[in-house]
Amino acid sequence: REIDTRGLLASLYERLGRIDEAIAQLDGALALDDK
């Protein structure tokens, strides 16, 4: 659920143009599952 939530949050941050925050969310998701 955390991975899925971070992915959706990353998409929302991207739509706001806040790319660094979007990437940070994906960093967190991949820290939980690097595959």
ModelCIF file with pLDDT and N, C-alpha, C, O atoms, coordinates in Angstrom:
data_MODEL
#
_entry.id   MODEL 
#
_entity.id                         1 
_entity.type                       polymer 
_entity.pdbx_number_of_molecules   1 
#
_entity_poly.entity_id                      1 
_entity_poly.type                           'polypeptide(L)' 
_entity_poly.nstd_linkage                   no 
_entity_poly.nstd_monomer                   no 
_entity_poly.pdbx_seq_one_letter_code       REIDTRGLLASLYERLGRIDEAIAQLDGALALDDK 
_entity_poly.pdbx_seq_one_letter_code_can   REIDTRGLLASLYERLGRIDEAIAQLDGALALDDK 
_entity_poly.pdbx_strand_id                 A 
#
loop_
_entity_poly_seq.entity_id 
_entity_poly_seq.num 
_entity_poly_seq.mon_id 
_entity_poly_seq.hetero 
1 1  ARG n 
1 2  GLU n 
1 3  ILE n 
1 4  ASP n 
1 5  THR n 
1 6  ARG n 
1 7  GLY n 
1 8  LEU n 
1 9  LEU n 
1 10 ALA n 
1 11 SER n 
1 12 LEU n 
1 13 TYR n 
1 14 GLU n 
1 15 ARG n 
1 16 LEU n 
1 17 GLY n 
1 18 ARG n 
1 19 ILE n 
1 20 ASP n 
1 21 GLU n 
1 22 ALA n 
1 23 ILE n 
1 24 ALA n 
1 25 GLN n 
1 26 LEU n 
1 27 ASP n 
1 28 GLY n 
1 29 ALA n 
1 30 LEU n 
1 31 ALA n 
1 32 LEU n 
1 33 ASP n 
1 34 ASP n 
1 35 LYS n 
#
_struct_asym.id          A 
_struct_asym.entity_id   1 
#
loop_
_ma_qa_metric.id 
_ma_qa_metric.mode 
_ma_qa_metric.name 
_ma_qa_metric.software_group_id 
_ma_qa_metric.type 
1 global pLDDT . pLDDT 
2 local  pLDDT . pLDDT 
#
_ma_qa_metric_global.metric_id      1 
_ma_qa_metric_global.metric_value   95.74 
_ma_qa_metric_global.model_id       1 
_ma_qa_metric_global.ordinal_id     1 
#
loop_
_ma_qa_metric_local.label_asym_id 
_ma_qa_metric_local.label_comp_id 
_ma_qa_metric_local.label_seq_id 
_ma_qa_metric_local.metric_id 
_ma_qa_metric_local.metric_value 
_ma_qa_metric_local.model_id 
_ma_qa_metric_local.ordinal_id 
A ARG 1  2 92.00 1 1  
A GLU 2  2 93.00 1 2  
A ILE 3  2 95.00 1 3  
A ASP 4  2 95.00 1 4  
A THR 5  2 95.00 1 5  
A ARG 6  2 96.00 1 6  
A GLY 7  2 96.00 1 7  
A LEU 8  2 96.00 1 8  
A LEU 9  2 97.00 1 9  
A ALA 10 2 97.00 1 10 
A SER 11 2 97.00 1 11 
A LEU 12 2 96.00 1 12 
A TYR 13 2 97.00 1 13 
A GLU 14 2 96.00 1 14 
A ARG 15 2 94.00 1 15 
A LEU 16 2 94.00 1 16 
A GLY 17 2 94.00 1 17 
A ARG 18 2 96.00 1 18 
A ILE 19 2 96.00 1 19 
A ASP 20 2 96.00 1 20 
A GLU 21 2 97.00 1 21 
A ALA 22 2 97.00 1 22 
A ILE 23 2 97.00 1 23 
A ALA 24 2 97.00 1 24 
A GLN 25 2 97.00 1 25 
A LEU 26 2 97.00 1 26 
A ASP 27 2 97.00 1 27 
A GLY 28 2 96.00 1 28 
A ALA 29 2 96.00 1 29 
A LEU 30 2 97.00 1 30 
A ALA 31 2 96.00 1 31 
A LEU 32 2 94.00 1 32 
A ASP 33 2 95.00 1 33 
A ASP 34 2 95.00 1 34 
A LYS 35 2 95.00 1 35 
#
loop_
_atom_site.group_PDB 
_atom_site.id 
_atom_site.type_symbol 
_atom_site.label_atom_id 
_atom_site.label_alt_id 
_atom_site.label_comp_id 
_atom_site.label_asym_id 
_atom_site.label_entity_id 
_atom_site.label_seq_id 
_atom_site.pdbx_PDB_ins_code 
_atom_site.Cartn_x 
_atom_site.Cartn_y 
_atom_site.Cartn_z 
_atom_site.occupancy 
_atom_site.B_iso_or_equiv 
_atom_site.pdbx_formal_charge 
_atom_site.auth_seq_id 
_atom_site.auth_comp_id 
_atom_site.auth_asym_id 
_atom_site.auth_atom_id 
_atom_site.pdbx_PDB_model_num 
ATOM 1   N N  . ARG A 1 1  ? 0.834  -1.208 0.000   1.00 92.00 ? 1  ARG A N  1 
ATOM 2   C CA . ARG A 1 1  ? 0.000  0.000  0.000   1.00 92.00 ? 1  ARG A CA 1 
ATOM 3   C C  . ARG A 1 1  ? 0.869  1.259  0.000   1.00 92.00 ? 1  ARG A C  1 
ATOM 4   O O  . ARG A 1 1  ? 0.543  2.246  -0.659  1.00 92.00 ? 1  ARG A O  1 
ATOM 5   N N  . GLU A 1 2  ? 1.978  1.214  0.746   1.00 93.00 ? 2  GLU A N  1 
ATOM 6   C CA . GLU A 1 2  ? 2.855  2.379  0.763   1.00 93.00 ? 2  GLU A CA 1 
ATOM 7   C C  . GLU A 1 2  ? 3.469  2.613  -0.612  1.00 93.00 ? 2  GLU A C  1 
ATOM 8   O O  . GLU A 1 2  ? 3.560  3.755  -1.064  1.00 93.00 ? 2  GLU A O  1 
ATOM 9   N N  . ILE A 1 3  ? 3.891  1.541  -1.279  1.00 95.00 ? 3  ILE A N  1 
ATOM 10  C CA . ILE A 1 3  ? 4.469  1.671  -2.616  1.00 95.00 ? 3  ILE A CA 1 
ATOM 11  C C  . ILE A 1 3  ? 3.443  2.271  -3.583  1.00 95.00 ? 3  ILE A C  1 
ATOM 12  O O  . ILE A 1 3  ? 3.749  3.194  -4.338  1.00 95.00 ? 3  ILE A O  1 
ATOM 13  N N  . ASP A 1 4  ? 2.228  1.733  -3.546  1.00 95.00 ? 4  ASP A N  1 
ATOM 14  C CA . ASP A 1 4  ? 1.184  2.230  -4.445  1.00 95.00 ? 4  ASP A CA 1 
ATOM 15  C C  . ASP A 1 4  ? 0.844  3.691  -4.154  1.00 95.00 ? 4  ASP A C  1 
ATOM 16  O O  . ASP A 1 4  ? 0.650  4.488  -5.072  1.00 95.00 ? 4  ASP A O  1 
ATOM 17  N N  . THR A 1 5  ? 0.774  4.032  -2.866  1.00 95.00 ? 5  THR A N  1 
ATOM 18  C CA . THR A 1 5  ? 0.445  5.409  -2.481  1.00 95.00 ? 5  THR A CA 1 
ATOM 19  C C  . THR A 1 5  ? 1.528  6.374  -2.930  1.00 95.00 ? 5  THR A C  1 
ATOM 20  O O  . THR A 1 5  ? 1.234  7.460  -3.431  1.00 95.00 ? 5  THR A O  1 
ATOM 21  N N  . ARG A 1 6  ? 2.778  5.977  -2.751  1.00 96.00 ? 6  ARG A N  1 
ATOM 22  C CA . ARG A 1 6  ? 3.887  6.840  -3.183  1.00 96.00 ? 6  ARG A CA 1 
ATOM 23  C C  . ARG A 1 6  ? 3.876  7.030  -4.699  1.00 96.00 ? 6  ARG A C  1 
ATOM 24  O O  . ARG A 1 6  ? 4.179  8.118  -5.191  1.00 96.00 ? 6  ARG A O  1 
ATOM 25  N N  . GLY A 1 7  ? 3.531  5.984  -5.435  1.00 96.00 ? 7  GLY A N  1 
ATOM 26  C CA . GLY A 1 7  ? 3.457  6.117  -6.888  1.00 96.00 ? 7  GLY A CA 1 
ATOM 27  C C  . GLY A 1 7  ? 2.381  7.102  -7.320  1.00 96.00 ? 7  GLY A C  1 
ATOM 28  O O  . GLY A 1 7  ? 2.592  7.907  -8.226  1.00 96.00 ? 7  GLY A O  1 
ATOM 29  N N  . LEU A 1 8  ? 1.223  7.032  -6.663  1.00 96.00 ? 8  LEU A N  1 
ATOM 30  C CA . LEU A 1 8  ? 0.139  7.954  -6.994  1.00 96.00 ? 8  LEU A CA 1 
ATOM 31  C C  . LEU A 1 8  ? 0.480  9.375  -6.569  1.00 96.00 ? 8  LEU A C  1 
ATOM 32  O O  . LEU A 1 8  ? 0.183  10.328 -7.289  1.00 96.00 ? 8  LEU A O  1 
ATOM 33  N N  . LEU A 1 9  ? 1.103  9.521  -5.402  1.00 97.00 ? 9  LEU A N  1 
ATOM 34  C CA . LEU A 1 9  ? 1.539  10.846 -4.963  1.00 97.00 ? 9  LEU A CA 1 
ATOM 35  C C  . LEU A 1 9  ? 2.564  11.431 -5.928  1.00 97.00 ? 9  LEU A C  1 
ATOM 36  O O  . LEU A 1 9  ? 2.540  12.627 -6.216  1.00 97.00 ? 9  LEU A O  1 
ATOM 37  N N  . ALA A 1 10 ? 3.463  10.587 -6.424  1.00 97.00 ? 10 ALA A N  1 
ATOM 38  C CA . ALA A 1 10 ? 4.467  11.061 -7.382  1.00 97.00 ? 10 ALA A CA 1 
ATOM 39  C C  . ALA A 1 10 ? 3.791  11.624 -8.633  1.00 97.00 ? 10 ALA A C  1 
ATOM 40  O O  . ALA A 1 10 ? 4.222  12.644 -9.170  1.00 97.00 ? 10 ALA A O  1 
ATOM 41  N N  . SER A 1 11 ? 2.731  10.954 -9.094  1.00 97.00 ? 11 SER A N  1 
ATOM 42  C CA . SER A 1 11 ? 2.000  11.445 -10.268 1.00 97.00 ? 11 SER A CA 1 
ATOM 43  C C  . SER A 1 11 ? 1.353  12.794 -9.989  1.00 97.00 ? 11 SER A C  1 
ATOM 44  O O  . SER A 1 11 ? 1.341  13.674 -10.849 1.00 97.00 ? 11 SER A O  1 
ATOM 45  N N  . LEU A 1 12 ? 0.818  12.953 -8.787  1.00 96.00 ? 12 LEU A N  1 
ATOM 46  C CA . LEU A 1 12 ? 0.174  14.222 -8.428  1.00 96.00 ? 12 LEU A CA 1 
ATOM 47  C C  . LEU A 1 12 ? 1.211  15.349 -8.319  1.00 96.00 ? 12 LEU A C  1 
ATOM 48  O O  . LEU A 1 12 ? 0.981  16.453 -8.811  1.00 96.00 ? 12 LEU A O  1 
ATOM 49  N N  . TYR A 1 13 ? 2.341  15.069 -7.680  1.00 97.00 ? 13 TYR A N  1 
ATOM 50  C CA . TYR A 1 13 ? 3.406  16.080 -7.593  1.00 97.00 ? 13 TYR A CA 1 
ATOM 51  C C  . TYR A 1 13 ? 3.916  16.457 -8.978  1.00 97.00 ? 13 TYR A C  1 
ATOM 52  O O  . TYR A 1 13 ? 4.226  17.619 -9.241  1.00 97.00 ? 13 TYR A O  1 
ATOM 53  N N  . GLU A 1 14 ? 4.001  15.467 -9.858  1.00 96.00 ? 14 GLU A N  1 
ATOM 54  C CA . GLU A 1 14 ? 4.441  15.749 -11.226 1.00 96.00 ? 14 GLU A CA 1 
ATOM 55  C C  . GLU A 1 14 ? 3.471  16.711 -11.913 1.00 96.00 ? 14 GLU A C  1 
ATOM 56  O O  . GLU A 1 14 ? 3.904  17.621 -12.621 1.00 96.00 ? 14 GLU A O  1 
ATOM 57  N N  . ARG A 1 15 ? 2.180  16.524 -11.715 1.00 94.00 ? 15 ARG A N  1 
ATOM 58  C CA . ARG A 1 15 ? 1.188  17.408 -12.320 1.00 94.00 ? 15 ARG A CA 1 
ATOM 59  C C  . ARG A 1 15 ? 1.297  18.834 -11.789 1.00 94.00 ? 15 ARG A C  1 
ATOM 60  O O  . ARG A 1 15 ? 0.950  19.794 -12.477 1.00 94.00 ? 15 ARG A O  1 
ATOM 61  N N  . LEU A 1 16 ? 1.783  18.956 -10.559 1.00 94.00 ? 16 LEU A N  1 
ATOM 62  C CA . LEU A 1 16 ? 1.997  20.286 -9.988  1.00 94.00 ? 16 LEU A CA 1 
ATOM 63  C C  . LEU A 1 16 ? 3.328  20.889 -10.418 1.00 94.00 ? 16 LEU A C  1 
ATOM 64  O O  . LEU A 1 16 ? 3.620  22.043 -10.103 1.00 94.00 ? 16 LEU A O  1 
ATOM 65  N N  . GLY A 1 17 ? 4.138  20.108 -11.138 1.00 94.00 ? 17 GLY A N  1 
ATOM 66  C CA . GLY A 1 17 ? 5.455  20.577 -11.561 1.00 94.00 ? 17 GLY A CA 1 
ATOM 67  C C  . GLY A 1 17 ? 6.508  20.462 -10.478 1.00 94.00 ? 17 GLY A C  1 
ATOM 68  O O  . GLY A 1 17 ? 7.599  21.015 -10.619 1.00 94.00 ? 17 GLY A O  1 
ATOM 69  N N  . ARG A 1 18 ? 6.207  19.758 -9.403  1.00 96.00 ? 18 ARG A N  1 
ATOM 70  C CA . ARG A 1 18 ? 7.143  19.602 -8.277  1.00 96.00 ? 18 ARG A CA 1 
ATOM 71  C C  . ARG A 1 18 ? 7.900  18.279 -8.458  1.00 96.00 ? 18 ARG A C  1 
ATOM 72  O O  . ARG A 1 18 ? 7.643  17.289 -7.772  1.00 96.00 ? 18 ARG A O  1 
ATOM 73  N N  . ILE A 1 19 ? 8.840  18.303 -9.406  1.00 96.00 ? 19 ILE A N  1 
ATOM 74  C CA . ILE A 1 19 ? 9.504  17.080 -9.858  1.00 96.00 ? 19 ILE A CA 1 
ATOM 75  C C  . ILE A 1 19 ? 10.377 16.463 -8.768  1.00 96.00 ? 19 ILE A C  1 
ATOM 76  O O  . ILE A 1 19 ? 10.402 15.242 -8.613  1.00 96.00 ? 19 ILE A O  1 
ATOM 77  N N  . ASP A 1 20 ? 11.093 17.301 -8.010  1.00 96.00 ? 20 ASP A N  1 
ATOM 78  C CA . ASP A 1 20 ? 11.946 16.756 -6.952  1.00 96.00 ? 20 ASP A CA 1 
ATOM 79  C C  . ASP A 1 20 ? 11.121 15.975 -5.935  1.00 96.00 ? 20 ASP A C  1 
ATOM 80  O O  . ASP A 1 20 ? 11.543 14.917 -5.470  1.00 96.00 ? 20 ASP A O  1 
ATOM 81  N N  . GLU A 1 21 ? 9.939  16.500 -5.589  1.00 97.00 ? 21 GLU A N  1 
ATOM 82  C CA . GLU A 1 21 ? 9.083  15.795 -4.628  1.00 97.00 ? 21 GLU A CA 1 
ATOM 83  C C  . GLU A 1 21 ? 8.507  14.520 -5.231  1.00 97.00 ? 21 GLU A C  1 
ATOM 84  O O  . GLU A 1 21 ? 8.321  13.525 -4.531  1.00 97.00 ? 21 GLU A O  1 
ATOM 85  N N  . ALA A 1 22 ? 8.226  14.553 -6.520  1.00 97.00 ? 22 ALA A N  1 
ATOM 86  C CA . ALA A 1 22 ? 7.749  13.344 -7.199  1.00 97.00 ? 22 ALA A CA 1 
ATOM 87  C C  . ALA A 1 22 ? 8.828  12.265 -7.166  1.00 97.00 ? 22 ALA A C  1 
ATOM 88  O O  . ALA A 1 22 ? 8.543  11.106 -6.863  1.00 97.00 ? 22 ALA A O  1 
ATOM 89  N N  . ILE A 1 23 ? 10.057 12.645 -7.475  1.00 97.00 ? 23 ILE A N  1 
ATOM 90  C CA . ILE A 1 23 ? 11.156 11.676 -7.462  1.00 97.00 ? 23 ILE A CA 1 
ATOM 91  C C  . ILE A 1 23 ? 11.399 11.154 -6.050  1.00 97.00 ? 23 ILE A C  1 
ATOM 92  O O  . ILE A 1 23 ? 11.705 9.976  -5.868  1.00 97.00 ? 23 ILE A O  1 
ATOM 93  N N  . ALA A 1 24 ? 11.265 12.024 -5.049  1.00 97.00 ? 24 ALA A N  1 
ATOM 94  C CA . ALA A 1 24 ? 11.458 11.593 -3.657  1.00 97.00 ? 24 ALA A CA 1 
ATOM 95  C C  . ALA A 1 24 ? 10.442 10.513 -3.270  1.00 97.00 ? 24 ALA A C  1 
ATOM 96  O O  . ALA A 1 24 ? 10.779 9.567  -2.559  1.00 97.00 ? 24 ALA A O  1 
ATOM 97  N N  . GLN A 1 25 ? 9.202  10.658 -3.741  1.00 97.00 ? 25 GLN A N  1 
ATOM 98  C CA . GLN A 1 25 ? 8.201  9.634  -3.458  1.00 97.00 ? 25 GLN A CA 1 
ATOM 99  C C  . GLN A 1 25 ? 8.588  8.300  -4.099  1.00 97.00 ? 25 GLN A C  1 
ATOM 100 O O  . GLN A 1 25 ? 8.415  7.241  -3.495  1.00 97.00 ? 25 GLN A O  1 
ATOM 101 N N  . LEU A 1 26 ? 9.105  8.357  -5.309  1.00 97.00 ? 26 LEU A N  1 
ATOM 102 C CA . LEU A 1 26 ? 9.511  7.129  -5.998  1.00 97.00 ? 26 LEU A CA 1 
ATOM 103 C C  . LEU A 1 26 ? 10.762 6.537  -5.367  1.00 97.00 ? 26 LEU A C  1 
ATOM 104 O O  . LEU A 1 26 ? 10.928 5.317  -5.354  1.00 97.00 ? 26 LEU A O  1 
ATOM 105 N N  . ASP A 1 27 ? 11.647 7.386  -4.843  1.00 97.00 ? 27 ASP A N  1 
ATOM 106 C CA . ASP A 1 27 ? 12.797 6.889  -4.076  1.00 97.00 ? 27 ASP A CA 1 
ATOM 107 C C  . ASP A 1 27 ? 12.307 6.047  -2.892  1.00 97.00 ? 27 ASP A C  1 
ATOM 108 O O  . ASP A 1 27 ? 12.837 4.972  -2.612  1.00 97.00 ? 27 ASP A O  1 
ATOM 109 N N  . GLY A 1 28 ? 11.280 6.567  -2.206  1.00 96.00 ? 28 GLY A N  1 
ATOM 110 C CA . GLY A 1 28 ? 10.724 5.845  -1.059  1.00 96.00 ? 28 GLY A CA 1 
ATOM 111 C C  . GLY A 1 28 ? 10.091 4.532  -1.469  1.00 96.00 ? 28 GLY A C  1 
ATOM 112 O O  . GLY A 1 28 ? 10.227 3.532  -0.763  1.00 96.00 ? 28 GLY A O  1 
ATOM 113 N N  . ALA A 1 29 ? 9.402  4.518  -2.595  1.00 96.00 ? 29 ALA A N  1 
ATOM 114 C CA . ALA A 1 29 ? 8.784  3.285  -3.073  1.00 96.00 ? 29 ALA A CA 1 
ATOM 115 C C  . ALA A 1 29 ? 9.837  2.242  -3.417  1.00 96.00 ? 29 ALA A C  1 
ATOM 116 O O  . ALA A 1 29 ? 9.690  1.067  -3.080  1.00 96.00 ? 29 ALA A O  1 
ATOM 117 N N  . LEU A 1 30 ? 10.903 2.675  -4.092  1.00 97.00 ? 30 LEU A N  1 
ATOM 118 C CA . LEU A 1 30 ? 11.950 1.733  -4.503  1.00 97.00 ? 30 LEU A CA 1 
ATOM 119 C C  . LEU A 1 30 ? 12.828 1.297  -3.335  1.00 97.00 ? 30 LEU A C  1 
ATOM 120 O O  . LEU A 1 30 ? 13.481 0.256  -3.417  1.00 97.00 ? 30 LEU A O  1 
ATOM 121 N N  . ALA A 1 31 ? 12.857 2.063  -2.261  1.00 96.00 ? 31 ALA A N  1 
ATOM 122 C CA . ALA A 1 31 ? 13.557 1.624  -1.053  1.00 96.00 ? 31 ALA A CA 1 
ATOM 123 C C  . ALA A 1 31 ? 12.853 0.418  -0.437  1.00 96.00 ? 31 ALA A C  1 
ATOM 124 O O  . ALA A 1 31 ? 13.484 -0.408 0.222   1.00 96.00 ? 31 ALA A O  1 
ATOM 125 N N  . LEU A 1 32 ? 11.543 0.324  -0.657  1.00 94.00 ? 32 LEU A N  1 
ATOM 126 C CA . LEU A 1 32 ? 10.775 -0.804 -0.152  1.00 94.00 ? 32 LEU A CA 1 
ATOM 127 C C  . LEU A 1 32 ? 10.809 -1.989 -1.111  1.00 94.00 ? 32 LEU A C  1 
ATOM 128 O O  . LEU A 1 32 ? 10.741 -3.139 -0.676  1.00 94.00 ? 32 LEU A O  1 
ATOM 129 N N  . ASP A 1 33 ? 10.913 -1.720 -2.406  1.00 95.00 ? 33 ASP A N  1 
ATOM 130 C CA . ASP A 1 33 ? 10.963 -2.782 -3.415  1.00 95.00 ? 33 ASP A CA 1 
ATOM 131 C C  . ASP A 1 33 ? 11.735 -2.257 -4.623  1.00 95.00 ? 33 ASP A C  1 
ATOM 132 O O  . ASP A 1 33 ? 11.181 -1.552 -5.466  1.00 95.00 ? 33 ASP A O  1 
ATOM 133 N N  . ASP A 1 34 ? 13.012 -2.606 -4.697  1.00 95.00 ? 34 ASP A N  1 
ATOM 134 C CA . ASP A 1 34 ? 13.854 -2.056 -5.767  1.00 95.00 ? 34 ASP A CA 1 
ATOM 135 C C  . ASP A 1 34 ? 13.579 -2.687 -7.130  1.00 95.00 ? 34 ASP A C  1 
ATOM 136 O O  . ASP A 1 34 ? 14.199 -2.317 -8.127  1.00 95.00 ? 34 ASP A O  1 
ATOM 137 N N  . LYS A 1 35 ? 12.644 -3.645 -7.170  1.00 95.00 ? 35 LYS A N  1 
ATOM 138 C CA . LYS A 1 35 ? 12.286 -4.279 -8.446  1.00 95.00 ? 35 LYS A CA 1 
ATOM 139 C C  . LYS A 1 35 ? 10.874 -3.891 -8.887  1.00 95.00 ? 35 LYS A C  1 
ATOM 140 O O  . LYS A 1 35 ? 10.411 -4.334 -9.938  1.00 95.00 ? 35 LYS A O  1 
#
